[in-house]
Amino acid sequence: MHRPQLIIMAAGLGSRFGGMKQIAPLDEAGHLIIDYSIFDALRAGFEEVVIIVKPEHEGAFEERIGRRIRPFVRLRYAHQALDMLPSGFSVPEGRQKPWGTGHALLCAKEHINAPFAVINADDFYGREAYQVLYDFLAAPRAGDEHAMVSYLIENTLSDNGSVARGVCSLDERGNLAAIQERTGILPDPGGATYPREDGSLVFVPRGTVVSLNFWGFQPSVLQFAEEGFLDFLRDNLPTTPLTSEYFLPGIPDRLIREGRGSVRVLTTGAKWYGVTYRGDMPFVQEAVAEMRRQQVYPERLWA
């Protein structure tokens, strides 16, 4: 069996950050969040990385990331573009928004040949998180056994604006029972809130498990995701052709509801840091600087 692969979703617009946040320096050595992600993944046992980018951004990623890490890892790029649609579908006139994280995963399908982890490019998940997921993926498992690294909602919020999270419920065995993508999540005493369509607020208490798009899948999930994307296009193009998105968390949620697989919820003591807004960056930079002072990371990752 091939060793588990790491898939990094980096094709997002970064509009709330005000630019290509995925290639914003995190420290004085010029390392990016992706550098730390790949460094942690290699220490856990991953050897191959696929970065999903917009076609027009591949050159920038290669210049800022690819050239310096290639001596240490097998690296490939997958492209996510609006016109990468199933036969019989075309891009609606005026559509500029990407099709979402579920579509991003499908754009990397031709590069996936083993159990794989999927992460966001702009999330700092911590070394232990990669280790627990790698160990899950590297063990012999059935083709319908998947996993998710979980975090608590109070540890995943931003002081600079709202965020989107996959809010989870677990069954009695500790497996994922359901997940719903929620947007507009803001900190609130005792937890967080998000708005309903009518503007009223839903309270989410501290201790609620959420997904930060750190998934571990068997390759069988790709065919299931393709089926779901077809249904998504048929259902949403007639009503919301310019804004609807195929979210990655919807894939395991539907898989569970249809009884076609399970998702183990893995816990970790790793601390998550994220950059949704430009104002988040100083906090993350200081956290990484402290970890370097504690020698969790060397001064130069790729020396």
Protein backbone atom coordinates (compact mmCIF):
# COMPACT_ATOMS: atom_id res chain seq x y z
CA MET A 1 0.00 0.00 0.00
CA HIS A 2 1.20 3.52 -0.78
CA ARG A 3 1.99 5.75 2.17
CA PRO A 4 -0.69 8.30 3.10
CA GLN A 5 -0.64 11.53 1.10
CA LEU A 6 -1.22 15.11 2.26
CA ILE A 7 -3.59 17.28 0.19
CA ILE A 8 -3.45 21.04 0.87
CA MET A 9 -6.33 23.26 -0.27
CA ALA A 10 -4.82 26.60 -1.27
CA ALA A 11 -7.06 27.88 -4.07
CA GLY A 12 -9.27 30.11 -1.92
CA LEU A 13 -9.59 33.76 -2.82
CA GLY A 14 -8.35 35.03 0.55
CA SER A 15 -10.72 37.97 0.17
CA ARG A 16 -11.26 38.56 3.89
CA PHE A 17 -7.51 38.62 4.46
CA GLY A 18 -7.02 41.14 1.69
CA GLY A 19 -4.80 39.15 -0.64
CA MET A 20 -3.14 35.78 -1.03
CA LYS A 21 -2.91 34.99 2.68
CA GLN A 22 -1.57 31.52 1.85
CA ILE A 23 1.80 33.01 0.89
CA ALA A 24 2.08 35.70 3.60
CA PRO A 25 5.34 35.26 5.65
CA LEU A 26 4.86 33.94 9.18
CA ASP A 27 8.33 34.69 10.55
CA GLU A 28 11.52 36.61 9.78
CA ALA A 29 12.95 33.59 7.96
CA GLY A 30 10.14 33.86 5.41
CA HIS A 31 8.37 30.64 6.36
CA LEU A 32 4.67 30.40 5.56
CA ILE A 33 1.96 28.48 7.39
CA ILE A 34 2.26 25.86 4.64
CA ASP A 35 5.95 25.43 5.50
CA TYR A 36 5.06 24.52 9.07
CA SER A 37 2.21 22.27 7.92
CA ILE A 38 4.47 20.31 5.58
CA PHE A 39 7.29 20.20 8.14
CA ASP A 40 4.92 18.74 10.76
CA ALA A 41 3.47 16.30 8.21
CA LEU A 42 6.93 15.00 7.25
CA ARG A 43 7.83 14.43 10.88
CA ALA A 44 4.62 12.43 11.24
CA GLY A 45 5.49 10.17 8.28
CA PHE A 46 3.92 11.77 5.19
CA GLU A 47 6.20 11.83 2.15
CA GLU A 48 4.04 13.21 -0.68
CA VAL A 49 2.17 16.52 -0.84
CA VAL A 50 -0.37 17.78 -3.38
CA ILE A 51 -1.17 21.52 -3.24
CA ILE A 52 -4.43 22.61 -4.86
CA VAL A 53 -4.07 26.06 -6.41
CA LYS A 54 -5.65 28.23 -9.05
CA PRO A 55 -3.80 27.67 -12.33
CA GLU A 56 -2.66 31.29 -12.41
CA HIS A 57 -1.17 31.01 -8.89
CA GLU A 58 1.05 27.96 -9.44
CA GLY A 59 4.04 30.09 -10.37
CA ALA A 60 3.78 32.14 -7.17
CA PHE A 61 3.50 29.02 -5.04
CA GLU A 62 6.46 27.39 -6.75
CA GLU A 63 8.55 30.52 -6.26
CA ARG A 64 7.64 30.96 -2.58
CA ILE A 65 7.23 27.34 -1.47
CA GLY A 66 8.00 24.65 -4.02
CA ARG A 67 11.62 25.42 -4.79
CA ARG A 68 12.79 25.23 -1.19
CA ILE A 69 10.87 22.15 -0.07
CA ARG A 70 11.36 19.91 -3.13
CA PRO A 71 14.60 18.39 -1.75
CA PHE A 72 12.61 17.09 1.22
CA VAL A 73 9.22 16.02 -0.14
CA ARG A 74 7.50 14.76 -3.28
CA LEU A 75 5.44 17.77 -4.35
CA ARG A 76 2.78 18.13 -7.02
CA TYR A 77 0.19 20.76 -7.90
CA ALA A 78 -3.47 20.25 -8.72
CA HIS A 79 -5.50 23.04 -10.33
CA GLN A 80 -8.93 24.21 -9.23
CA ALA A 81 -10.74 26.27 -11.85
CA LEU A 82 -14.35 27.31 -12.42
CA ASP A 83 -14.65 25.41 -15.67
CA MET A 84 -13.58 22.08 -14.15
CA LEU A 85 -17.12 20.69 -14.18
CA PRO A 86 -18.68 17.33 -15.06
CA SER A 87 -19.82 16.72 -18.61
CA GLY A 88 -23.09 18.48 -19.36
CA PHE A 89 -22.48 21.47 -17.06
CA SER A 90 -21.02 24.90 -17.81
CA VAL A 91 -20.06 27.92 -15.72
CA PRO A 92 -23.08 30.20 -15.17
CA GLU A 93 -22.72 33.65 -16.68
CA GLY A 94 -21.31 36.02 -14.07
CA ARG A 95 -20.00 33.29 -11.74
CA GLN A 96 -16.66 34.24 -10.14
CA LYS A 97 -16.82 32.44 -6.80
CA PRO A 98 -14.97 29.09 -6.59
CA TRP A 99 -17.15 26.00 -6.30
CA GLY A 100 -15.98 25.28 -2.76
CA THR A 101 -13.74 22.94 -0.80
CA GLY A 102 -15.56 19.79 -1.91
CA HIS A 103 -14.88 20.72 -5.52
CA ALA A 104 -11.25 21.44 -4.61
CA LEU A 105 -10.83 17.89 -3.41
CA LEU A 106 -12.24 16.51 -6.66
CA CYS A 107 -9.76 18.64 -8.62
CA ALA A 108 -6.94 16.67 -6.97
CA LYS A 109 -8.47 13.27 -7.73
CA GLU A 110 -5.99 12.25 -10.44
CA HIS A 111 -3.09 12.71 -7.98
CA ILE A 112 -4.57 10.57 -5.19
CA ASN A 113 -3.60 6.91 -5.01
CA ALA A 114 -3.56 6.16 -1.27
CA PRO A 115 -5.31 7.06 1.99
CA PHE A 116 -4.96 10.81 2.33
CA ALA A 117 -5.24 13.77 4.68
CA VAL A 118 -6.84 17.05 3.60
CA ILE A 119 -6.03 20.40 5.22
CA ASN A 120 -6.56 24.12 4.68
CA ALA A 121 -3.53 26.12 3.59
CA ASP A 122 -4.16 28.89 6.12
CA ASP A 123 -4.60 26.79 9.29
CA PHE A 124 -1.80 25.91 11.70
CA TYR A 125 -2.87 22.56 13.14
CA GLY A 126 0.13 21.52 15.27
CA ARG A 127 2.49 18.54 15.02
CA GLU A 128 0.46 16.15 17.20
CA ALA A 129 -2.58 16.54 14.95
CA TYR A 130 -0.63 15.26 11.95
CA GLN A 131 0.72 12.34 13.96
CA VAL A 132 -2.65 11.05 15.15
CA LEU A 133 -4.13 11.29 11.67
CA TYR A 134 -1.12 9.71 9.96
CA ASP A 135 -1.24 6.79 12.39
CA PHE A 136 -4.92 6.30 11.59
CA LEU A 137 -4.37 6.39 7.83
CA ALA A 138 -1.27 4.18 7.86
CA ALA A 139 -3.04 1.33 9.68
CA PRO A 140 -4.86 -1.34 7.63
CA ARG A 141 -8.53 -0.33 7.39
CA ALA A 142 -11.67 -0.99 5.41
CA GLY A 143 -12.34 1.27 2.45
CA ASP A 144 -15.23 3.01 4.21
CA GLU A 145 -13.36 3.97 7.43
CA HIS A 146 -12.47 7.67 7.51
CA ALA A 147 -11.40 10.14 10.21
CA MET A 148 -11.46 13.77 11.31
CA VAL A 149 -9.17 15.67 13.68
CA SER A 150 -11.44 17.61 16.02
CA TYR A 151 -11.10 20.92 17.85
CA LEU A 152 -13.30 22.75 20.38
CA ILE A 153 -15.19 25.73 19.04
CA GLU A 154 -13.92 28.16 21.68
CA ASN A 155 -10.34 27.52 20.48
CA THR A 156 -11.08 28.24 16.82
CA LEU A 157 -12.56 31.75 16.79
CA SER A 158 -11.19 35.08 15.60
CA ASP A 159 -11.31 38.40 17.43
CA ASN A 160 -11.27 40.15 14.06
CA GLY A 161 -14.49 38.89 12.48
CA SER A 162 -16.70 35.91 11.82
CA VAL A 163 -15.52 32.45 10.73
CA ALA A 164 -17.03 29.35 9.14
CA ARG A 165 -16.85 26.01 10.92
CA GLY A 166 -18.26 22.52 10.56
CA VAL A 167 -20.30 22.06 13.75
CA CYS A 168 -20.29 18.37 14.73
CA SER A 169 -22.34 15.95 16.75
CA LEU A 170 -20.92 12.61 17.88
CA ASP A 171 -22.49 9.21 18.46
CA GLU A 172 -22.05 7.04 21.56
CA ARG A 173 -18.91 5.43 20.09
CA GLY A 174 -17.17 8.76 19.52
CA ASN A 175 -17.70 8.67 15.77
CA LEU A 176 -19.06 11.57 13.78
CA ALA A 177 -22.87 11.46 13.70
CA ALA A 178 -23.51 14.66 11.71
CA ILE A 179 -21.76 17.86 10.63
CA GLN A 180 -23.23 21.13 9.41
CA GLU A 181 -21.26 23.95 7.85
CA ARG A 182 -22.07 27.18 9.69
CA THR A 183 -20.96 30.63 8.62
CA GLY A 184 -20.87 33.96 10.44
CA ILE A 185 -19.67 32.39 13.71
CA LEU A 186 -18.63 34.97 16.31
CA PRO A 187 -17.30 34.66 19.89
CA ASP A 188 -19.92 34.86 22.64
CA PRO A 189 -19.66 34.47 26.44
CA GLY A 190 -19.82 30.75 27.06
CA GLY A 191 -19.20 29.78 23.46
CA ALA A 192 -20.16 31.27 20.10
CA THR A 193 -23.13 32.26 17.95
CA TYR A 194 -24.07 32.08 14.29
CA PRO A 195 -27.03 33.68 12.46
CA ARG A 196 -30.05 31.92 11.03
CA GLU A 197 -31.41 33.07 7.68
CA ASP A 198 -33.92 35.31 9.49
CA GLY A 199 -31.12 37.06 11.38
CA SER A 200 -31.77 35.47 14.77
CA LEU A 201 -28.77 33.99 16.56
CA VAL A 202 -28.07 30.37 17.45
CA PHE A 203 -25.91 29.79 20.54
CA VAL A 204 -23.17 27.15 20.39
CA PRO A 205 -21.80 26.24 23.85
CA ARG A 206 -18.14 25.83 24.80
CA GLY A 207 -16.93 22.29 24.30
CA THR A 208 -18.78 21.83 21.02
CA VAL A 209 -16.66 19.83 18.58
CA VAL A 210 -15.98 21.49 15.23
CA SER A 211 -14.16 20.58 12.05
CA LEU A 212 -11.36 22.72 10.64
CA ASN A 213 -11.13 20.71 7.43
CA PHE A 214 -8.51 18.31 8.77
CA TRP A 215 -9.84 15.08 7.30
CA GLY A 216 -8.45 11.62 6.71
CA PHE A 217 -10.07 9.70 3.86
CA GLN A 218 -9.77 6.40 2.07
CA PRO A 219 -9.63 6.83 -1.74
CA SER A 220 -13.16 5.39 -2.03
CA VAL A 221 -14.54 8.73 -0.83
CA LEU A 222 -13.68 10.33 -4.18
CA GLN A 223 -16.34 8.48 -6.14
CA PHE A 224 -18.87 9.32 -3.45
CA ALA A 225 -17.81 12.99 -3.62
CA GLU A 226 -18.31 13.00 -7.40
CA GLU A 227 -21.84 11.70 -6.98
CA GLY A 228 -22.53 14.42 -4.42
CA PHE A 229 -21.15 17.15 -6.67
CA LEU A 230 -23.48 16.12 -9.47
CA ASP A 231 -26.44 16.33 -7.09
CA PHE A 232 -25.18 19.70 -5.82
CA LEU A 233 -25.05 21.15 -9.34
CA ARG A 234 -28.49 19.85 -10.25
CA ASP A 235 -30.00 21.22 -7.05
CA ASN A 236 -28.27 24.60 -6.82
CA LEU A 237 -27.56 25.89 -10.32
CA PRO A 238 -31.23 26.66 -11.02
CA THR A 239 -31.63 28.72 -7.82
CA THR A 240 -28.22 30.09 -6.68
CA PRO A 241 -25.91 29.83 -9.71
CA LEU A 242 -23.50 32.57 -8.60
CA THR A 243 -22.99 31.87 -4.89
CA SER A 244 -23.65 28.23 -3.98
CA GLU A 245 -20.65 26.18 -2.80
CA TYR A 246 -19.97 22.46 -2.47
CA PHE A 247 -18.47 22.28 1.01
CA LEU A 248 -16.11 19.46 1.95
CA PRO A 249 -17.83 18.71 5.31
CA GLY A 250 -21.01 17.90 3.41
CA ILE A 251 -19.32 14.85 1.89
CA PRO A 252 -18.71 12.90 5.13
CA ASP A 253 -22.03 14.14 6.51
CA ARG A 254 -23.91 12.63 3.59
CA LEU A 255 -21.77 9.50 3.70
CA ILE A 256 -22.82 8.94 7.32
CA ARG A 257 -26.50 9.72 6.69
CA GLU A 258 -26.61 7.19 3.86
CA GLY A 259 -24.81 4.54 5.91
CA ARG A 260 -21.95 4.27 3.42
CA GLY A 261 -19.07 4.83 5.83
CA SER A 262 -17.90 5.95 9.25
CA VAL A 263 -15.76 8.86 10.44
CA ARG A 264 -13.65 8.43 13.57
CA VAL A 265 -13.30 11.67 15.54
CA LEU A 266 -9.67 11.98 16.64
CA THR A 267 -8.66 14.23 19.52
CA THR A 268 -5.37 15.98 20.01
CA GLY A 269 -3.69 18.31 22.44
CA ALA A 270 -2.26 20.32 19.56
CA LYS A 271 -3.11 24.02 19.52
CA TRP A 272 -4.76 25.40 16.39
CA TYR A 273 -3.97 28.84 14.96
CA GLY A 274 -5.62 30.33 11.93
CA VAL A 275 -5.42 33.37 9.69
CA THR A 276 -8.82 34.43 8.42
CA TYR A 277 -8.23 38.18 8.67
CA ARG A 278 -5.10 40.28 8.39
CA GLY A 279 -5.47 41.19 12.07
CA ASP A 280 -5.06 37.50 12.98
CA MET A 281 -1.51 37.35 11.66
CA PRO A 282 0.37 39.07 14.55
CA PHE A 283 -1.17 36.65 17.06
CA VAL A 284 -0.14 33.63 15.00
CA GLN A 285 3.33 35.06 14.40
CA GLU A 286 3.90 35.51 18.13
CA ALA A 287 2.65 31.99 18.89
CA VAL A 288 5.07 30.52 16.35
CA ALA A 289 7.92 32.67 17.67
CA GLU A 290 7.28 31.27 21.14
CA MET A 291 7.33 27.70 19.82
CA ARG A 292 10.64 28.40 18.15
CA ARG A 293 12.01 29.81 21.42
CA GLN A 294 10.93 26.55 23.06
CA GLN A 295 12.70 24.64 20.25
CA VAL A 296 9.51 23.00 19.04
CA TYR A 297 10.68 24.20 15.63
CA PRO A 298 14.17 25.08 14.37
CA GLU A 299 14.99 28.58 13.21
CA ARG A 300 15.16 27.33 9.62
CA LEU A 301 12.84 24.49 8.75
CA TRP A 302 14.57 23.43 5.54
CA ALA A 303 18.23 23.86 6.45
